Structure formats: C-alpha cells, structure tokens
Amino acid sequence: MSKTRVTTIRQPEDQAEDMEFVARVDGIAASELVRDAIAEYLEKRRADPDFKNRLAARIEADQKILKRLAE
C-alpha cells in the first residue's frame, strides 16, 4: 500500500457494529472493509455520466476563479 492517511468518521452505533461483524465474518479488518467500500463507491462515481458532467462544470468554474485571482 502507498502512503496512508488516517480519517475519522462518525457513524451510528448499530452501523459500526454491523460493519465490524461483517468484517470479522469475512476475516478482514474493519479498515479494509471501509477502504474496499470507498474504492467501489469512487469507481461507480467515475463511471457515472452525470457525475462526470458535474465534475467538468466544477473544474471549469474553479479555473475561472483561479484565473481571476492570478490576474
């Protein structure tokens, strides 16, 4: 694994218990379960045409602001 970063999340207690239980059943650490879930979510976003359109619009808006600030 490359460099890592610690991220803290708040989640309902029942969700945390379910997550920890599923991880134990699967024989993996809860952190691995979370990383896998995040990776799957990000891959779905990257494949979503609506997300890509919103992303392009956000990039364009940010570029305009950066250009204005640099002047």
C-alpha atoms as a PDB file:
ATOM      1  CA  MET A   1       0.000   0.000   0.000  1.00  0.00           C
ATOM      2  CA  SER A   2       1.215   3.511  -0.749  1.00  0.00           C
ATOM      3  CA  LYS A   3       1.216   6.339   1.774  1.00  0.00           C
ATOM      4  CA  THR A   4      -1.731   6.243   4.108  1.00  0.00           C
ATOM      5  CA  ARG A   5      -3.824   8.852   5.838  1.00  0.00           C
ATOM      6  CA  VAL A   6      -5.966   8.447   8.913  1.00  0.00           C
ATOM      7  CA  THR A   7      -9.580   9.540   8.502  1.00  0.00           C
ATOM      8  CA  THR A   8     -12.062   9.602  11.341  1.00  0.00           C
ATOM      9  CA  ILE A   9     -15.755   9.084  10.661  1.00  0.00           C
ATOM     10  CA  ARG A  10     -18.803   9.228  12.863  1.00  0.00           C
ATOM     11  CA  GLN A  11     -21.392   6.558  12.267  1.00  0.00           C
ATOM     12  CA  PRO A  12     -24.405   5.228  14.106  1.00  0.00           C
ATOM     13  CA  GLU A  13     -23.501   2.606  16.671  1.00  0.00           C
ATOM     14  CA  ASP A  14     -25.599  -0.085  15.004  1.00  0.00           C
ATOM     15  CA  GLN A  15     -23.904   0.547  11.665  1.00  0.00           C
ATOM     16  CA  ALA A  16     -20.468   0.304  13.307  1.00  0.00           C
ATOM     17  CA  GLU A  17     -21.428  -2.966  14.987  1.00  0.00           C
ATOM     18  CA  ASP A  18     -22.748  -4.387  11.699  1.00  0.00           C
ATOM     19  CA  MET A  19     -19.601  -3.305   9.865  1.00  0.00           C
ATOM     20  CA  GLU A  20     -17.310  -4.862  12.459  1.00  0.00           C
ATOM     21  CA  PHE A  21     -19.318  -8.079  12.435  1.00  0.00           C
ATOM     22  CA  VAL A  22     -19.267  -8.374   8.633  1.00  0.00           C
ATOM     23  CA  ALA A  23     -15.514  -7.721   8.640  1.00  0.00           C
ATOM     24  CA  ARG A  24     -14.976 -10.476  11.229  1.00  0.00           C
ATOM     25  CA  VAL A  25     -17.093 -12.929   9.222  1.00  0.00           C
ATOM     26  CA  ASP A  26     -15.111 -12.065   6.091  1.00  0.00           C
ATOM     27  CA  GLY A  27     -11.849 -12.385   8.016  1.00  0.00           C
ATOM     28  CA  ILE A  28     -10.681  -8.852   7.283  1.00  0.00           C
ATOM     29  CA  ALA A  29     -10.060  -5.723   9.309  1.00  0.00           C
ATOM     30  CA  ALA A  30     -12.863  -3.182   9.515  1.00  0.00           C
ATOM     31  CA  SER A  31     -10.500  -0.650   7.939  1.00  0.00           C
ATOM     32  CA  GLU A  32     -10.069  -2.927   4.914  1.00  0.00           C
ATOM     33  CA  LEU A  33     -13.842  -3.239   4.572  1.00  0.00           C
ATOM     34  CA  VAL A  34     -14.131   0.559   4.636  1.00  0.00           C
ATOM     35  CA  ARG A  35     -11.323   1.030   2.092  1.00  0.00           C
ATOM     36  CA  ASP A  36     -12.934  -1.528  -0.232  1.00  0.00           C
ATOM     37  CA  ALA A  37     -16.344   0.163   0.086  1.00  0.00           C
ATOM     38  CA  ILE A  38     -14.853   3.587  -0.638  1.00  0.00           C
ATOM     39  CA  ALA A  39     -12.921   2.268  -3.648  1.00  0.00           C
ATOM     40  CA  GLU A  40     -16.103   0.699  -5.031  1.00  0.00           C
ATOM     41  CA  TYR A  41     -18.054   3.933  -4.493  1.00  0.00           C
ATOM     42  CA  LEU A  42     -15.393   6.048  -6.200  1.00  0.00           C
ATOM     43  CA  GLU A  43     -15.264   3.687  -9.173  1.00  0.00           C
ATOM     44  CA  LYS A  44     -19.046   3.956  -9.559  1.00  0.00           C
ATOM     45  CA  ARG A  45     -18.811   7.765  -9.461  1.00  0.00           C
ATOM     46  CA  ARG A  46     -16.101   7.784 -12.126  1.00  0.00           C
ATOM     47  CA  ALA A  47     -18.337   5.697 -14.405  1.00  0.00           C
ATOM     48  CA  ASP A  48     -21.431   7.895 -13.865  1.00  0.00           C
ATOM     49  CA  PRO A  49     -22.015  10.296 -16.797  1.00  0.00           C
ATOM     50  CA  ASP A  50     -23.973  12.750 -14.622  1.00  0.00           C
ATOM     51  CA  PHE A  51     -21.109  12.901 -12.145  1.00  0.00           C
ATOM     52  CA  LYS A  52     -18.643  13.479 -14.988  1.00  0.00           C
ATOM     53  CA  ASN A  53     -20.756  16.396 -16.235  1.00  0.00           C
ATOM     54  CA  ARG A  54     -20.923  17.955 -12.754  1.00  0.00           C
ATOM     55  CA  LEU A  55     -17.195  17.417 -12.346  1.00  0.00           C
ATOM     56  CA  ALA A  56     -16.421  19.152 -15.647  1.00  0.00           C
ATOM     57  CA  ALA A  57     -18.646  22.087 -14.649  1.00  0.00           C
ATOM     58  CA  ARG A  58     -16.896  22.334 -11.263  1.00  0.00           C
ATOM     59  CA  ILE A  59     -13.460  22.263 -12.890  1.00  0.00           C
ATOM     60  CA  GLU A  60     -14.463  24.986 -15.338  1.00  0.00           C
ATOM     61  CA  ALA A  61     -15.855  27.201 -12.562  1.00  0.00           C
ATOM     62  CA  ASP A  62     -12.736  26.692 -10.446  1.00  0.00           C
ATOM     63  CA  GLN A  63     -10.454  27.503 -13.379  1.00  0.00           C
ATOM     64  CA  LYS A  64     -12.284  30.813 -13.902  1.00  0.00           C
ATOM     65  CA  ILE A  65     -11.812  31.712 -10.246  1.00  0.00           C
ATOM     66  CA  LEU A  66      -8.127  30.738 -10.279  1.00  0.00           C
ATOM     67  CA  LYS A  67      -7.530  32.771 -13.427  1.00  0.00           C
ATOM     68  CA  ARG A  68      -9.275  35.790 -11.914  1.00  0.00           C
ATOM     69  CA  LEU A  69      -7.230  35.517  -8.719  1.00  0.00           C
ATOM     70  CA  ALA A  70      -3.987  35.219 -10.668  1.00  0.00           C
ATOM     71  CA  GLU A  71      -4.583  38.449 -12.570  1.00  0.00           C
END
